[in-house]
Protein backbone atom coordinates (compact mmCIF):
# COMPACT_ATOMS: atom_id res chain seq x y z
CA MET A 1 109.87 -57.78 -249.71
CA GLY A 2 109.49 -61.45 -248.57
CA ARG A 3 112.66 -62.62 -250.61
CA CYS A 4 116.06 -63.24 -249.25
CA PRO A 5 119.14 -62.35 -251.21
CA GLY A 6 120.64 -64.97 -253.61
CA PRO A 7 123.28 -67.64 -252.88
CA VAL A 8 126.02 -66.73 -250.67
CA LYS A 9 128.70 -68.53 -248.56
CA ARG A 10 129.78 -66.78 -245.56
CA GLY A 11 131.38 -67.78 -242.13
CA THR A 12 132.06 -71.17 -240.97
CA GLY A 13 129.85 -74.27 -241.32
CA LEU A 14 126.94 -72.73 -243.24
CA VAL A 15 126.07 -72.40 -246.89
CA VAL A 16 123.00 -70.43 -247.94
CA GLY A 17 121.31 -71.91 -251.01
CA ASP A 18 119.52 -70.16 -253.94
CA GLU A 19 116.07 -68.46 -252.81
CA ASP A 20 114.18 -68.25 -255.91
CA GLU A 21 110.69 -68.56 -254.35
CA THR A 22 108.83 -66.15 -251.98
CA SER A 23 108.24 -67.84 -248.76
CA PRO A 24 104.74 -67.72 -247.33
CA ALA A 25 106.33 -67.40 -244.00
CA ALA A 26 108.43 -64.46 -245.10
CA ALA A 27 105.34 -62.70 -246.31
CA VAL A 28 103.59 -63.21 -243.06
CA PHE A 29 106.42 -62.12 -240.80
CA ASP A 30 107.33 -59.29 -243.22
CA ALA A 31 103.89 -58.05 -242.61
CA LEU A 32 103.98 -58.52 -238.74
CA GLY A 33 107.46 -57.00 -238.01
CA SER A 34 107.92 -55.77 -234.48
CA GLU A 35 104.18 -56.40 -233.78
CA TYR A 36 105.26 -59.88 -233.46
CA GLU A 37 107.77 -59.23 -230.72
CA LYS A 38 105.27 -57.05 -228.87
CA ALA A 39 102.61 -59.83 -228.90
CA PHE A 40 104.99 -62.48 -227.41
CA ALA A 41 107.04 -60.23 -225.07
CA GLY A 42 105.13 -61.34 -222.07
CA SER A 43 105.98 -65.01 -222.44
CA GLU A 44 107.67 -66.02 -219.14
CA ALA A 45 108.10 -69.71 -220.32
CA HIS A 46 110.22 -68.56 -223.24
CA ARG A 47 112.58 -66.63 -220.56
CA VAL A 48 112.55 -69.61 -218.31
CA SER A 49 113.47 -71.52 -221.36
CA LEU A 50 116.46 -69.33 -222.13
CA GLN A 51 117.63 -69.36 -218.65
CA TRP A 52 117.81 -73.11 -218.69
CA LEU A 53 119.96 -73.03 -221.68
CA LEU A 54 122.15 -70.02 -220.20
CA GLY A 55 122.71 -72.00 -217.19
CA ARG A 56 124.37 -75.08 -219.07
CA LEU A 57 126.43 -73.27 -221.73
CA ALA A 58 130.03 -72.61 -221.58
CA PRO A 59 131.39 -69.25 -221.99
CA GLY A 60 131.56 -67.98 -225.58
CA SER A 61 129.37 -70.80 -226.92
CA ARG A 62 128.41 -70.75 -230.50
CA VAL A 63 124.51 -70.80 -230.81
CA LEU A 64 122.29 -70.99 -233.85
CA ASP A 65 118.87 -69.16 -233.48
CA VAL A 66 116.50 -70.76 -236.05
CA GLY A 67 113.60 -68.23 -236.89
CA SER A 68 115.35 -65.68 -235.04
CA GLY A 69 112.63 -62.92 -235.89
CA THR A 70 113.30 -59.54 -234.33
CA GLY A 71 116.23 -60.88 -232.39
CA ARG A 72 114.42 -60.55 -229.09
CA PRO A 73 114.29 -62.18 -226.54
CA THR A 74 116.44 -65.22 -227.79
CA ALA A 75 119.41 -63.77 -229.69
CA ALA A 76 119.55 -60.66 -227.46
CA THR A 77 119.70 -62.75 -224.23
CA LEU A 78 122.33 -65.10 -225.50
CA ALA A 79 124.35 -62.30 -227.00
CA ALA A 80 124.18 -60.29 -223.77
CA ALA A 81 125.53 -63.23 -221.91
CA GLY A 82 128.60 -63.38 -224.23
CA HIS A 83 127.64 -66.06 -226.38
CA ARG A 84 128.43 -65.91 -230.35
CA VAL A 85 124.79 -66.06 -232.00
CA LEU A 86 123.92 -66.55 -235.47
CA GLY A 87 120.26 -65.95 -236.23
CA VAL A 88 118.51 -67.24 -239.33
CA ASP A 89 115.20 -65.96 -240.58
CA VAL A 90 113.39 -66.10 -243.86
CA SER A 91 111.86 -62.82 -243.44
CA PRO A 92 114.07 -59.81 -244.66
CA VAL A 93 112.12 -57.45 -242.53
CA MET A 94 112.83 -59.44 -239.32
CA VAL A 95 116.42 -59.73 -240.12
CA GLU A 96 116.80 -56.01 -240.73
CA ILE A 97 115.02 -55.40 -237.34
CA ALA A 98 117.25 -58.06 -235.64
CA SER A 99 120.36 -56.61 -237.01
CA ARG A 100 119.56 -53.09 -235.82
CA GLN A 101 118.20 -54.24 -232.27
CA VAL A 102 120.92 -56.93 -231.40
CA PRO A 103 124.20 -55.59 -232.85
CA GLY A 104 125.98 -58.23 -230.72
CA ALA A 105 124.68 -61.07 -232.93
CA GLU A 106 124.94 -61.92 -236.66
CA PHE A 107 121.75 -62.43 -238.67
CA ARG A 108 121.34 -63.87 -241.97
CA CYS A 109 118.32 -63.91 -244.27
CA ALA A 110 117.81 -67.38 -245.48
CA ASP A 111 115.30 -70.30 -245.77
CA VAL A 112 116.58 -72.75 -242.92
CA ARG A 113 115.59 -75.72 -245.16
CA ARG A 114 118.15 -74.80 -247.67
CA LEU A 115 121.06 -74.33 -245.41
CA SER A 116 124.00 -76.86 -245.37
CA LEU A 117 125.31 -77.23 -241.74
CA GLU A 118 128.54 -78.77 -240.68
CA ASP A 119 127.87 -81.64 -238.25
CA GLY A 120 128.69 -80.50 -234.60
CA SER A 121 129.41 -76.92 -235.53
CA PHE A 122 127.17 -75.36 -232.91
CA ASP A 123 127.20 -75.64 -229.10
CA ALA A 124 123.52 -75.30 -229.09
CA VAL A 125 120.57 -74.60 -231.60
CA CYS A 126 117.48 -73.02 -230.73
CA VAL A 127 114.20 -73.44 -232.49
CA TYR A 128 111.46 -71.22 -231.09
CA PHE A 129 108.38 -71.62 -233.03
CA ALA A 130 109.90 -71.78 -236.37
CA LEU A 131 108.50 -74.99 -237.69
CA LEU A 132 104.72 -74.59 -237.95
CA GLN A 133 104.59 -73.27 -241.55
CA MET A 134 106.60 -76.38 -242.83
CA SER A 135 105.02 -79.64 -243.82
CA ARG A 136 105.38 -82.50 -241.50
CA PRO A 137 108.24 -84.28 -243.88
CA GLU A 138 110.19 -81.10 -243.76
CA GLN A 139 109.87 -80.55 -240.08
CA SER A 140 111.15 -84.15 -239.39
CA ALA A 141 114.06 -83.67 -241.87
CA LEU A 142 114.91 -80.20 -240.33
CA VAL A 143 114.98 -81.49 -236.74
CA ARG A 144 117.45 -84.26 -237.90
CA GLN A 145 119.53 -81.86 -239.67
CA LEU A 146 119.65 -79.29 -236.94
CA ALA A 147 120.31 -82.13 -234.15
CA ARG A 148 123.39 -83.08 -236.27
CA ALA A 149 124.56 -79.50 -236.34
CA VAL A 150 124.86 -79.65 -232.37
CA ARG A 151 128.19 -80.95 -231.08
CA PRO A 152 128.09 -84.17 -228.89
CA GLY A 153 127.19 -83.21 -225.51
CA GLY A 154 125.52 -79.87 -226.71
CA PHE A 155 122.16 -78.53 -226.33
CA PHE A 156 118.83 -78.30 -228.52
CA VAL A 157 115.97 -76.33 -227.36
CA LEU A 158 112.63 -76.55 -229.29
CA ALA A 159 109.32 -74.93 -228.80
CA THR A 160 106.21 -75.26 -230.71
CA VAL A 161 102.51 -75.31 -230.57
CA PRO A 162 101.62 -78.86 -230.08
CA LEU A 163 98.40 -79.48 -232.12
CA ASP A 164 97.67 -82.41 -234.21
CA VAL A 165 96.94 -80.49 -237.42
CA GLU A 166 98.13 -80.63 -240.97
CA GLY A 167 97.62 -77.87 -243.63
CA PHE A 168 95.18 -76.07 -241.50
CA ASP A 169 94.24 -72.59 -242.92
CA GLY A 170 93.76 -70.11 -240.30
CA VAL A 171 94.36 -66.44 -239.24
CA PHE A 172 97.43 -65.52 -237.00
CA MET A 173 97.43 -61.89 -235.79
CA GLY A 174 95.39 -60.79 -238.72
CA GLN A 175 97.48 -62.66 -241.32
CA ASP A 176 96.27 -65.85 -243.38
CA VAL A 177 98.51 -68.81 -242.43
CA ARG A 178 98.55 -72.38 -243.18
CA VAL A 179 99.85 -74.24 -240.02
CA THR A 180 101.10 -77.76 -239.77
CA SER A 181 102.09 -79.25 -236.39
CA PHE A 182 102.33 -82.49 -234.17
CA SER A 183 100.80 -83.47 -231.01
CA ALA A 184 102.89 -83.19 -227.92
CA GLN A 185 103.73 -86.91 -227.85
CA ASP A 186 104.59 -86.88 -231.36
CA VAL A 187 106.96 -83.69 -231.20
CA THR A 188 108.88 -85.51 -228.32
CA ALA A 189 109.10 -88.59 -230.57
CA LEU A 190 110.35 -86.63 -233.32
CA VAL A 191 113.53 -85.15 -231.28
CA ARG A 192 114.15 -88.52 -229.84
CA GLN A 193 114.32 -90.19 -233.27
CA ALA A 194 116.56 -87.44 -234.23
CA GLY A 195 119.19 -88.67 -231.70
CA LEU A 196 118.42 -86.24 -229.00
CA THR A 197 117.76 -86.75 -225.24
CA VAL A 198 114.94 -84.95 -223.75
CA VAL A 199 116.09 -83.52 -220.41
CA SER A 200 113.08 -81.43 -219.56
CA GLU A 201 109.84 -80.27 -220.88
CA GLU A 202 107.24 -77.63 -219.97
CA SER A 203 103.69 -77.22 -221.49
CA VAL A 204 101.85 -73.84 -220.88
CA MET A 205 98.93 -71.94 -222.25
CA PHE A 206 99.87 -68.47 -223.64
CA THR A 207 97.56 -65.64 -225.02
CA PRO A 208 99.75 -63.17 -227.28
CA THR A 209 99.13 -59.71 -226.54
CA HIS A 210 97.30 -58.56 -229.81
CA PRO A 211 93.58 -57.97 -230.32
CA ASP A 212 93.30 -60.81 -232.95
CA ALA A 213 95.34 -63.28 -230.82
CA MET A 214 93.68 -66.37 -229.38
CA PRO A 215 95.10 -68.47 -226.36
CA GLU A 216 97.50 -71.31 -227.70
CA PRO A 217 99.24 -74.25 -226.10
CA GLN A 218 103.05 -74.10 -226.18
CA LEU A 219 105.40 -77.01 -225.67
CA PHE A 220 109.13 -76.21 -224.72
CA LEU A 221 111.51 -79.22 -225.13
CA HIS A 222 115.04 -78.80 -223.55
CA CYS A 223 117.39 -81.58 -225.01
CA ARG A 224 121.03 -82.59 -225.33
CA ARG A 225 122.90 -84.51 -227.94
CA PRO A 226 124.52 -87.61 -226.39
CA GLY A 227 128.15 -87.26 -226.06
CA PRO A 228 130.89 -86.33 -223.51
CA GLY A 229 129.62 -84.74 -220.50
CA ALA A 230 125.98 -85.08 -221.67
CA ASP A 231 124.44 -85.94 -218.34
CA GLY A 232 121.88 -83.36 -218.09
């Protein structure tokens, strides 16, 4: 597997481009499948982050979940609260699992870097650990694109592993990966340069429940796009 279907245009505000190449991230997460969900199920910080967002969303909000994985916990939590969730993931295996596990949300297999999103088309965008296999220029460009997709006054949540590394070859849960990230200070600067206001942030250490996993720092940024009612 590891390759999403070809070009398609569906729904409102989203165009999926041509997926000619197999993504390294797709190969990794195709292989991990449900093991990824099990390994990260114990993340209290992720649950707290979702509660922060739920406490601010209006009923029936439209939310984009970037790197939606198995659909749990992000899409499942938001859909259960009555929000309209669109999950996007490059892994066909993850999209199949998510569609089965969270029927109340919509999932599409696509490389988020190739999506065309209408400005202001979502009330909130969530990006939980979805950037780490992209280059720094790709991460910067994507954050700017996703920030524009949030309506004025809407919300943007970003979680990442804040390490100052570029093109680092390592092993993640038994899978070979090449990781690029920013320091915590630079991640925060990145979202601010995209025009977002950082309302709160949380830094934690988390060890995934997997025999090959190592403790990792995690940074959760909770942001708003300036606009009407954007007072935090």
